[in-house]
Amino acid sequence: MNRRLSVALAAYGAWNQAVLLFAFDPMKRLVIDTLAPGSRIPDVRVLGLSLDGFAVHDLDRAEGWLPQAVFVVLSGILTYGVFRGARWIRPRTRTVLALVGAVLLASGVATLIGPLLGPDARSAVPTYGEWLGYARLGAVPAAAAQFALGTVWLQVAVWSLIWRYRHAAVLVEYLGTTEGPQAEEAPVPLLTQARERRDLVCAALIPTVLLAVAGGPFLRHTRVRPLVQSSSGTFDPELWTAYRPPAAVEEWSGLLYPALRLRPVGTERISGWIATLAVCAVLLVASAVALRSVAGRVEAGRRPAASVRLFMRGWYVTLLGAVAAAFVDGWLLQWFAPRLSDPESVRPLWVAVGDAVRFGTAWGWATGAACLGAVLLLTHRGREVAPAADVDEGELNVAR
């Protein structure tokens, strides 16, 4: 996609986000002032997604507006990169998914820097108890992610309209929407063999599997097996007290979202353990399918832009795979392994999505780095094989 159109679409999305974030609360207050005393406007939602949960409510403190400003700026930069890397003006599924991954990454960064700005900040991310505490005090779980998912479709809608009327004179003149001959030239794929693409997928999944194994023992689910006092009279505190991970692990356990345990923990039911395995399987399968698509689009050449694009695609894959698993988590685990939360005040789905976005934001770079490393190794191996084939062909010509 050309630069002018990419800038226009990215700026449009950032402008809409800024208006909604910084003007939503003042407009809401003006409407309330016109109503009867004591009236209030409930949380505004679109398709079940909260729009004002992440809005700016306090401009006097940095923690009240700086995360939202970081989100708008970073979202504009990342979405520009997605649009600029698109080969077609026409909206395609993979590009739309990359756009969703970009805004989710921006929301994850805004979420992670929020606790750093608080007056009593003690760590880089809140503990799970603090996370639920914010929700009970009125904040919306995964508010930034909900806002990102609710507003990204404004960009997609305008993008679709531009594609529909791309031959209009004003669009052709100012945005260059008429595709030139270069748009029809497909880039040369670097990984031409199925084995090479499979190797890249396997290498890129290694960080996710290792993090899933690390997070397995610390996933925050209640002990759901009924506890019965042993007839021998032996008292085991582990069976009677609520599970709490070590302090250092608890601080960062929100960044170890998936759970991959080879066997159930002490008082965990088999059904709950199987449910957590299903969530982790969704994460790995969704990530593998997306990485398979990424592997088929790796471009030949040493351009820095191609490397950056591959790195960011790996990051987006981790985010999207984690969010897909979170939707299964919020639906499946509330029946078999409920989280430590009050269902009336906190929806398990959005708590899971919040964990998934933080996980993908904090560790998605590892997937992108693994993709780059796999491509470098495969390219180096291809260079070693090519001279050997040339030597064999030369020897054959000499023998003739």
Protein backbone atom coordinates (compact mmCIF):
# COMPACT_ATOMS: atom_id res chain seq x y z
CA MET A 1 0.00 0.00 0.00
CA ASN A 2 1.34 3.45 -0.87
CA ARG A 3 2.58 5.83 1.79
CA ARG A 4 -0.17 8.45 1.47
CA LEU A 5 -3.00 5.97 1.93
CA SER A 6 -1.20 4.24 4.80
CA VAL A 7 -0.69 7.54 6.62
CA ALA A 8 -4.30 8.56 6.02
CA LEU A 9 -5.75 5.32 7.42
CA ALA A 10 -3.39 5.21 10.42
CA ALA A 11 -4.04 8.88 11.22
CA TYR A 12 -7.79 8.36 10.93
CA GLY A 13 -7.69 5.49 13.40
CA ALA A 14 -5.47 7.39 15.87
CA TRP A 15 -7.69 10.47 15.61
CA ASN A 16 -10.85 8.48 16.36
CA GLN A 17 -9.18 6.80 19.32
CA ALA A 18 -7.93 10.12 20.70
CA VAL A 19 -11.36 11.73 20.39
CA LEU A 20 -13.12 8.86 22.10
CA LEU A 21 -10.53 8.61 24.88
CA PHE A 22 -10.15 12.29 25.72
CA ALA A 23 -13.60 13.68 24.86
CA PHE A 24 -15.86 10.82 25.94
CA ASP A 25 -15.87 11.60 29.67
CA PRO A 26 -16.47 15.38 29.29
CA MET A 27 -19.31 14.74 26.87
CA LYS A 28 -20.79 12.21 29.26
CA ARG A 29 -20.68 14.76 32.08
CA LEU A 30 -22.42 17.37 29.93
CA VAL A 31 -25.22 14.93 29.19
CA ILE A 32 -25.56 14.05 32.88
CA ASP A 33 -25.84 17.75 33.79
CA THR A 34 -28.88 18.04 31.51
CA LEU A 35 -30.63 15.13 33.21
CA ALA A 36 -32.48 15.02 36.49
CA PRO A 37 -30.36 15.19 39.67
CA GLY A 38 -29.02 11.79 40.65
CA SER A 39 -29.19 10.42 37.13
CA ARG A 40 -26.27 8.49 35.74
CA ILE A 41 -25.30 6.99 32.40
CA PRO A 42 -24.24 3.34 32.49
CA ASP A 43 -21.11 2.00 30.89
CA VAL A 44 -21.36 2.51 27.13
CA ARG A 45 -20.77 -0.72 25.22
CA VAL A 46 -20.68 -1.65 21.56
CA LEU A 47 -21.12 -5.36 20.80
CA GLY A 48 -20.44 -6.04 24.47
CA LEU A 49 -17.14 -4.10 24.43
CA SER A 50 -16.68 -1.23 26.86
CA LEU A 51 -15.77 2.08 25.22
CA ASP A 52 -15.47 4.35 28.25
CA GLY A 53 -13.73 1.94 30.62
CA PHE A 54 -10.38 3.08 29.20
CA ALA A 55 -11.38 6.72 28.69
CA VAL A 56 -9.46 9.55 30.35
CA HIS A 57 -11.14 10.56 33.60
CA ASP A 58 -8.38 12.62 35.26
CA LEU A 59 -6.04 15.00 33.44
CA ASP A 60 -4.38 16.23 36.61
CA ARG A 61 -2.28 13.09 37.15
CA ALA A 62 0.00 11.35 34.67
CA GLU A 63 -1.49 7.94 35.41
CA GLY A 64 -4.88 9.31 34.39
CA TRP A 65 -3.96 10.19 30.80
CA LEU A 66 -0.45 8.99 29.89
CA PRO A 67 -1.38 5.32 29.20
CA GLN A 68 -4.11 6.51 26.84
CA ALA A 69 -1.69 8.86 25.06
CA VAL A 70 0.86 6.05 24.69
CA PHE A 71 -1.88 3.82 23.29
CA VAL A 72 -2.92 6.38 20.66
CA VAL A 73 0.64 7.11 19.50
CA LEU A 74 1.76 3.49 19.46
CA SER A 75 -1.44 2.35 17.77
CA GLY A 76 -0.92 4.91 15.01
CA ILE A 77 2.69 3.81 14.43
CA LEU A 78 1.91 0.08 14.43
CA THR A 79 -1.15 0.35 12.22
CA TYR A 80 0.83 2.46 9.76
CA GLY A 81 3.36 -0.37 9.59
CA VAL A 82 0.58 -2.88 8.92
CA PHE A 83 -0.95 -0.77 6.15
CA ARG A 84 2.44 0.01 4.62
CA GLY A 85 3.34 -3.68 4.54
CA ALA A 86 0.09 -4.67 2.84
CA ARG A 87 0.63 -5.47 -0.83
CA TRP A 88 -2.97 -4.81 -1.82
CA ILE A 89 -5.36 -1.93 -1.27
CA ARG A 90 -8.14 -4.47 -0.91
CA PRO A 91 -8.78 -5.53 2.72
CA ARG A 92 -7.64 -9.11 3.27
CA THR A 93 -8.21 -11.35 6.26
CA ARG A 94 -4.55 -11.68 7.19
CA THR A 95 -4.04 -7.92 7.06
CA VAL A 96 -7.13 -7.27 9.19
CA LEU A 97 -5.86 -9.79 11.75
CA ALA A 98 -2.47 -8.06 11.77
CA LEU A 99 -4.32 -4.77 12.34
CA VAL A 100 -6.12 -6.30 15.33
CA GLY A 101 -2.79 -7.58 16.66
CA ALA A 102 -1.28 -4.10 16.30
CA VAL A 103 -3.97 -2.34 18.34
CA LEU A 104 -3.90 -5.14 20.95
CA LEU A 105 -0.15 -4.71 21.29
CA ALA A 106 -0.65 -0.98 21.82
CA SER A 107 -3.30 -1.71 24.46
CA GLY A 108 -0.99 -4.20 26.16
CA VAL A 109 1.82 -1.66 26.39
CA ALA A 110 -0.59 0.90 27.83
CA THR A 111 -1.77 -1.66 30.37
CA LEU A 112 1.72 -2.63 31.48
CA ILE A 113 2.97 0.93 31.94
CA GLY A 114 -0.12 1.99 33.91
CA PRO A 115 0.99 0.57 37.29
CA LEU A 116 4.42 2.22 36.88
CA LEU A 117 2.76 5.63 37.06
CA GLY A 118 0.84 5.05 40.27
CA PRO A 119 1.93 6.83 43.44
CA ASP A 120 2.48 3.54 45.26
CA ALA A 121 3.91 1.56 42.34
CA ARG A 122 5.88 -1.42 43.59
CA SER A 123 6.40 -3.52 40.47
CA ALA A 124 6.17 -3.34 36.73
CA VAL A 125 2.80 -5.12 36.63
CA PRO A 126 0.04 -5.46 39.22
CA THR A 127 -0.44 -8.68 41.10
CA TYR A 128 -3.50 -10.71 40.32
CA GLY A 129 -5.10 -9.57 43.57
CA GLU A 130 -4.51 -5.93 42.61
CA TRP A 131 -5.87 -6.62 39.12
CA LEU A 132 -9.11 -7.97 40.61
CA GLY A 133 -9.11 -5.15 43.13
CA TYR A 134 -9.12 -2.58 40.33
CA ALA A 135 -12.06 -4.40 38.78
CA ARG A 136 -14.04 -4.45 42.02
CA LEU A 137 -13.42 -0.74 42.54
CA GLY A 138 -15.08 0.09 39.26
CA ALA A 139 -12.37 -0.34 36.63
CA VAL A 140 -13.12 -2.63 33.70
CA PRO A 141 -10.97 -5.76 33.25
CA ALA A 142 -9.00 -5.59 30.00
CA ALA A 143 -10.41 -2.10 29.44
CA ALA A 144 -7.66 -1.14 26.99
CA ALA A 145 -8.10 -4.37 25.03
CA GLN A 146 -11.87 -3.91 24.90
CA PHE A 147 -11.44 -0.36 23.65
CA ALA A 148 -8.95 -1.51 21.01
CA LEU A 149 -11.23 -4.27 19.77
CA GLY A 150 -14.20 -1.92 19.72
CA THR A 151 -12.52 0.83 17.68
CA VAL A 152 -10.34 -1.09 15.23
CA TRP A 153 -13.38 -1.76 13.07
CA LEU A 154 -13.71 1.97 12.34
CA GLN A 155 -10.46 1.75 10.41
CA VAL A 156 -11.54 -1.45 8.68
CA ALA A 157 -14.86 0.12 7.66
CA VAL A 158 -13.21 3.20 6.15
CA TRP A 159 -10.60 1.01 4.47
CA SER A 160 -13.38 -1.05 2.88
CA LEU A 161 -15.13 2.11 1.66
CA ILE A 162 -11.90 3.39 0.11
CA TRP A 163 -11.49 0.07 -1.68
CA ARG A 164 -15.09 0.15 -2.87
CA TYR A 165 -14.74 3.66 -4.36
CA ARG A 166 -11.05 3.46 -5.22
CA HIS A 167 -11.65 4.72 -8.77
CA ALA A 168 -13.20 7.99 -7.58
CA ALA A 169 -11.24 10.95 -8.92
CA VAL A 170 -10.67 12.53 -5.51
CA LEU A 171 -9.30 9.30 -4.02
CA VAL A 172 -7.06 8.66 -7.01
CA GLU A 173 -5.69 12.21 -6.88
CA TYR A 174 -5.05 12.53 -3.15
CA LEU A 175 -4.53 8.94 -1.99
CA GLY A 176 -3.34 7.20 -5.14
CA THR A 177 -5.83 4.38 -4.82
CA THR A 178 -5.35 3.12 -8.37
CA GLU A 179 -3.06 0.13 -8.15
CA GLY A 180 0.00 0.40 -10.39
CA PRO A 181 1.95 -2.38 -12.12
CA GLN A 182 4.20 -2.91 -9.09
CA ALA A 183 1.24 -3.96 -6.95
CA GLU A 184 0.70 -6.92 -9.23
CA GLU A 185 4.26 -8.20 -8.75
CA ALA A 186 4.32 -10.77 -6.00
CA PRO A 187 7.43 -10.80 -3.79
CA VAL A 188 9.76 -13.75 -4.17
CA PRO A 189 9.15 -16.20 -1.28
CA LEU A 190 12.24 -17.18 0.66
CA LEU A 191 10.99 -20.49 2.09
CA THR A 192 9.91 -22.46 -0.95
CA GLN A 193 9.91 -25.94 0.57
CA ALA A 194 7.26 -27.25 2.96
CA ARG A 195 9.98 -28.61 5.25
CA GLU A 196 11.50 -25.15 5.66
CA ARG A 197 8.17 -23.60 6.53
CA ARG A 198 7.51 -26.40 9.01
CA ASP A 199 10.90 -25.80 10.64
CA LEU A 200 10.11 -22.10 11.07
CA VAL A 201 6.75 -22.89 12.69
CA CYS A 202 8.31 -25.36 15.12
CA ALA A 203 11.12 -22.96 16.04
CA ALA A 204 8.71 -20.07 16.60
CA LEU A 205 6.51 -22.17 18.90
CA ILE A 206 9.40 -23.04 21.24
CA PRO A 207 9.17 -19.82 23.35
CA THR A 208 5.40 -20.20 23.75
CA VAL A 209 5.72 -23.84 24.86
CA LEU A 210 8.46 -22.99 27.36
CA LEU A 211 6.40 -20.13 28.81
CA ALA A 212 3.34 -22.37 28.98
CA VAL A 213 5.33 -24.95 30.95
CA ALA A 214 6.67 -22.21 33.24
CA GLY A 215 3.18 -20.85 33.87
CA GLY A 216 1.57 -24.26 34.40
CA PRO A 217 2.08 -24.62 38.17
CA PHE A 218 1.06 -21.01 38.84
CA LEU A 219 -2.16 -20.55 36.88
CA ARG A 220 -4.66 -19.04 39.30
CA HIS A 221 -7.51 -21.49 39.64
CA THR A 222 -9.28 -22.55 42.78
CA ARG A 223 -8.75 -25.97 44.31
CA VAL A 224 -12.02 -27.57 43.30
CA ARG A 225 -11.78 -31.10 44.64
CA PRO A 226 -13.83 -31.56 47.85
CA LEU A 227 -11.48 -31.77 50.84
CA VAL A 228 -12.04 -34.62 53.30
CA GLN A 229 -10.07 -34.93 56.53
CA SER A 230 -7.92 -38.04 56.51
CA SER A 231 -8.99 -40.82 58.87
CA SER A 232 -5.42 -41.03 60.19
CA GLY A 233 -5.77 -37.55 61.67
CA THR A 234 -2.76 -36.25 59.80
CA PHE A 235 -3.15 -32.55 59.07
CA ASP A 236 -1.83 -31.34 55.72
CA PRO A 237 -1.97 -27.51 55.50
CA GLU A 238 -1.67 -27.64 51.71
CA LEU A 239 -5.07 -29.32 51.49
CA TRP A 240 -6.85 -26.80 53.68
CA THR A 241 -5.37 -23.40 52.83
CA ALA A 242 -5.88 -21.51 49.60
CA TYR A 243 -3.06 -21.86 47.10
CA ARG A 244 -0.75 -18.86 46.72
CA PRO A 245 2.39 -18.92 44.60
CA PRO A 246 5.69 -17.48 45.89
CA ALA A 247 5.78 -13.70 46.14
CA ALA A 248 8.14 -13.20 43.20
CA VAL A 249 6.08 -15.52 41.01
CA GLU A 250 2.82 -13.89 42.06
CA GLU A 251 4.11 -10.49 40.94
CA TRP A 252 4.73 -11.78 37.41
CA SER A 253 2.26 -14.66 37.15
CA GLY A 254 -0.08 -12.56 35.04
CA LEU A 255 2.60 -12.71 32.36
CA LEU A 256 2.61 -16.53 32.42
CA TYR A 257 -0.91 -16.85 31.11
CA PRO A 258 -1.14 -20.33 29.51
CA ALA A 259 -0.92 -23.47 31.64
CA LEU A 260 0.73 -26.66 30.42
CA ARG A 261 0.91 -29.23 33.21
CA LEU A 262 1.86 -32.83 32.57
CA ARG A 263 -0.26 -33.92 35.52
CA PRO A 264 -2.91 -32.32 37.78
CA VAL A 265 -1.85 -30.42 40.88
CA GLY A 266 -2.67 -31.62 44.38
CA THR A 267 -6.42 -31.12 44.68
CA GLU A 268 -7.28 -30.43 41.06
CA ARG A 269 -10.01 -32.41 39.40
CA ILE A 270 -9.16 -34.28 36.22
CA SER A 271 -11.86 -32.36 34.34
CA GLY A 272 -10.29 -29.03 35.32
CA TRP A 273 -6.85 -30.24 34.29
CA ILE A 274 -8.16 -31.39 30.89
CA ALA A 275 -9.86 -28.00 30.45
CA THR A 276 -6.57 -26.16 31.03
CA LEU A 277 -4.90 -28.46 28.50
CA ALA A 278 -7.63 -27.60 26.00
CA VAL A 279 -6.97 -23.87 26.49
CA CYS A 280 -3.25 -24.37 25.97
CA ALA A 281 -3.94 -26.52 22.90
CA VAL A 282 -6.04 -23.71 21.40
CA LEU A 283 -3.16 -21.30 21.97
CA LEU A 284 -0.62 -23.58 20.28
CA VAL A 285 -2.88 -24.60 17.38
CA ALA A 286 -3.98 -21.02 16.64
CA SER A 287 -0.38 -19.83 16.81
CA ALA A 288 0.81 -22.68 14.55
CA VAL A 289 -1.84 -21.93 11.91
CA ALA A 290 -0.97 -18.23 11.91
CA LEU A 291 2.78 -18.96 11.80
CA ARG A 292 2.20 -21.26 8.83
CA SER A 293 0.74 -18.29 6.97
CA VAL A 294 3.61 -16.07 8.08
CA ALA A 295 6.18 -18.62 6.91
CA GLY A 296 4.69 -18.64 3.44
CA ARG A 297 5.05 -14.86 3.17
CA VAL A 298 8.71 -14.50 4.18
CA GLU A 299 10.29 -12.43 1.44
CA ALA A 300 13.70 -13.05 -0.08
CA GLY A 301 16.32 -10.32 0.24
CA ARG A 302 18.15 -8.52 3.00
CA ARG A 303 15.93 -5.47 3.34
CA PRO A 304 15.66 -4.30 6.98
CA ALA A 305 11.95 -3.62 6.44
CA ALA A 306 11.35 -7.31 5.64
CA SER A 307 13.08 -8.38 8.88
CA VAL A 308 11.13 -5.87 10.97
CA ARG A 309 7.92 -7.00 9.31
CA LEU A 310 8.65 -10.65 10.10
CA PHE A 311 9.53 -9.80 13.70
CA MET A 312 6.30 -7.87 14.25
CA ARG A 313 4.20 -10.58 12.61
CA GLY A 314 5.60 -13.10 15.08
CA TRP A 315 4.68 -10.72 17.90
CA TYR A 316 1.14 -10.31 16.57
CA VAL A 317 0.76 -14.09 16.22
CA THR A 318 1.46 -14.59 19.93
CA LEU A 319 -1.06 -11.91 20.88
CA LEU A 320 -3.82 -13.25 18.63
CA GLY A 321 -3.22 -16.86 19.68
CA ALA A 322 -3.34 -15.91 23.36
CA VAL A 323 -6.56 -13.92 22.92
CA ALA A 324 -8.16 -16.82 21.03
CA ALA A 325 -7.23 -19.10 23.92
CA ALA A 326 -8.60 -16.54 26.39
CA PHE A 327 -12.05 -16.69 24.81
CA VAL A 328 -12.02 -20.47 25.26
CA ASP A 329 -10.67 -19.94 28.78
CA GLY A 330 -13.49 -17.60 29.75
CA TRP A 331 -16.12 -20.02 28.48
CA LEU A 332 -14.66 -23.41 29.38
CA LEU A 333 -12.79 -22.94 32.63
CA GLN A 334 -15.62 -21.20 34.45
CA TRP A 335 -17.33 -24.60 34.48
CA PHE A 336 -14.38 -26.89 35.24
CA ALA A 337 -11.72 -24.75 36.94
CA PRO A 338 -13.13 -21.36 38.01
CA ARG A 339 -10.79 -18.47 38.65
CA LEU A 340 -10.35 -16.82 42.01
CA SER A 341 -12.88 -14.05 41.45
CA ASP A 342 -16.41 -13.01 42.26
CA PRO A 343 -18.60 -13.74 39.19
CA GLU A 344 -20.88 -10.84 40.04
CA SER A 345 -18.12 -8.21 39.96
CA VAL A 346 -15.65 -9.67 37.47
CA ARG A 347 -16.41 -11.46 34.23
CA PRO A 348 -13.96 -14.35 33.86
CA LEU A 349 -13.80 -13.83 30.10
CA TRP A 350 -12.31 -10.35 30.27
CA VAL A 351 -10.00 -11.26 33.13
CA ALA A 352 -8.66 -14.02 30.88
CA VAL A 353 -8.38 -11.62 27.92
CA GLY A 354 -6.47 -9.17 30.11
CA ASP A 355 -4.02 -11.91 31.08
CA ALA A 356 -3.67 -12.99 27.45
CA VAL A 357 -2.96 -9.46 26.20
CA ARG A 358 -0.36 -8.91 28.90
CA PHE A 359 1.22 -12.27 28.07
CA GLY A 360 1.33 -11.58 24.34
CA THR A 361 2.69 -8.06 24.86
CA ALA A 362 5.41 -9.13 27.28
CA TRP A 363 6.59 -12.25 25.44
CA GLY A 364 5.50 -11.91 21.80
CA TRP A 365 8.90 -10.48 20.93
CA ALA A 366 10.39 -13.92 21.70
CA THR A 367 8.27 -15.46 18.93
CA GLY A 368 9.34 -12.73 16.52
CA ALA A 369 13.00 -13.25 17.43
CA ALA A 370 12.60 -17.01 16.98
CA CYS A 371 11.17 -16.40 13.49
CA LEU A 372 14.15 -14.24 12.58
CA GLY A 373 16.59 -16.79 13.97
CA ALA A 374 14.94 -19.64 12.09
CA VAL A 375 15.05 -17.70 8.82
CA LEU A 376 18.75 -16.90 9.31
CA LEU A 377 19.58 -20.55 10.03
CA LEU A 378 17.55 -21.82 7.08
CA THR A 379 19.12 -19.25 4.78
CA HIS A 380 22.63 -20.15 5.97
CA ARG A 381 21.91 -23.83 5.49
CA GLY A 382 20.61 -23.11 1.97
CA ARG A 383 23.84 -21.28 1.10
CA GLU A 384 25.87 -24.26 2.25
CA VAL A 385 23.83 -26.68 0.15
CA ALA A 386 23.89 -24.54 -3.01
CA PRO A 387 27.73 -24.49 -3.49
CA ALA A 388 27.87 -28.23 -2.92
CA ALA A 389 25.31 -28.73 -5.71
CA ASP A 390 27.37 -26.46 -8.01
CA VAL A 391 30.52 -28.48 -7.31
CA ASP A 392 28.78 -31.73 -8.09
CA GLU A 393 27.50 -30.32 -11.39
CA GLY A 394 31.02 -29.08 -12.30
CA GLU A 395 32.57 -32.45 -11.58
CA LEU A 396 29.94 -34.08 -13.77
CA ASN A 397 30.77 -31.74 -16.67
CA VAL A 398 34.51 -32.48 -16.31
CA ALA A 399 33.83 -36.21 -16.38
CA ARG A 400 31.92 -35.77 -19.61
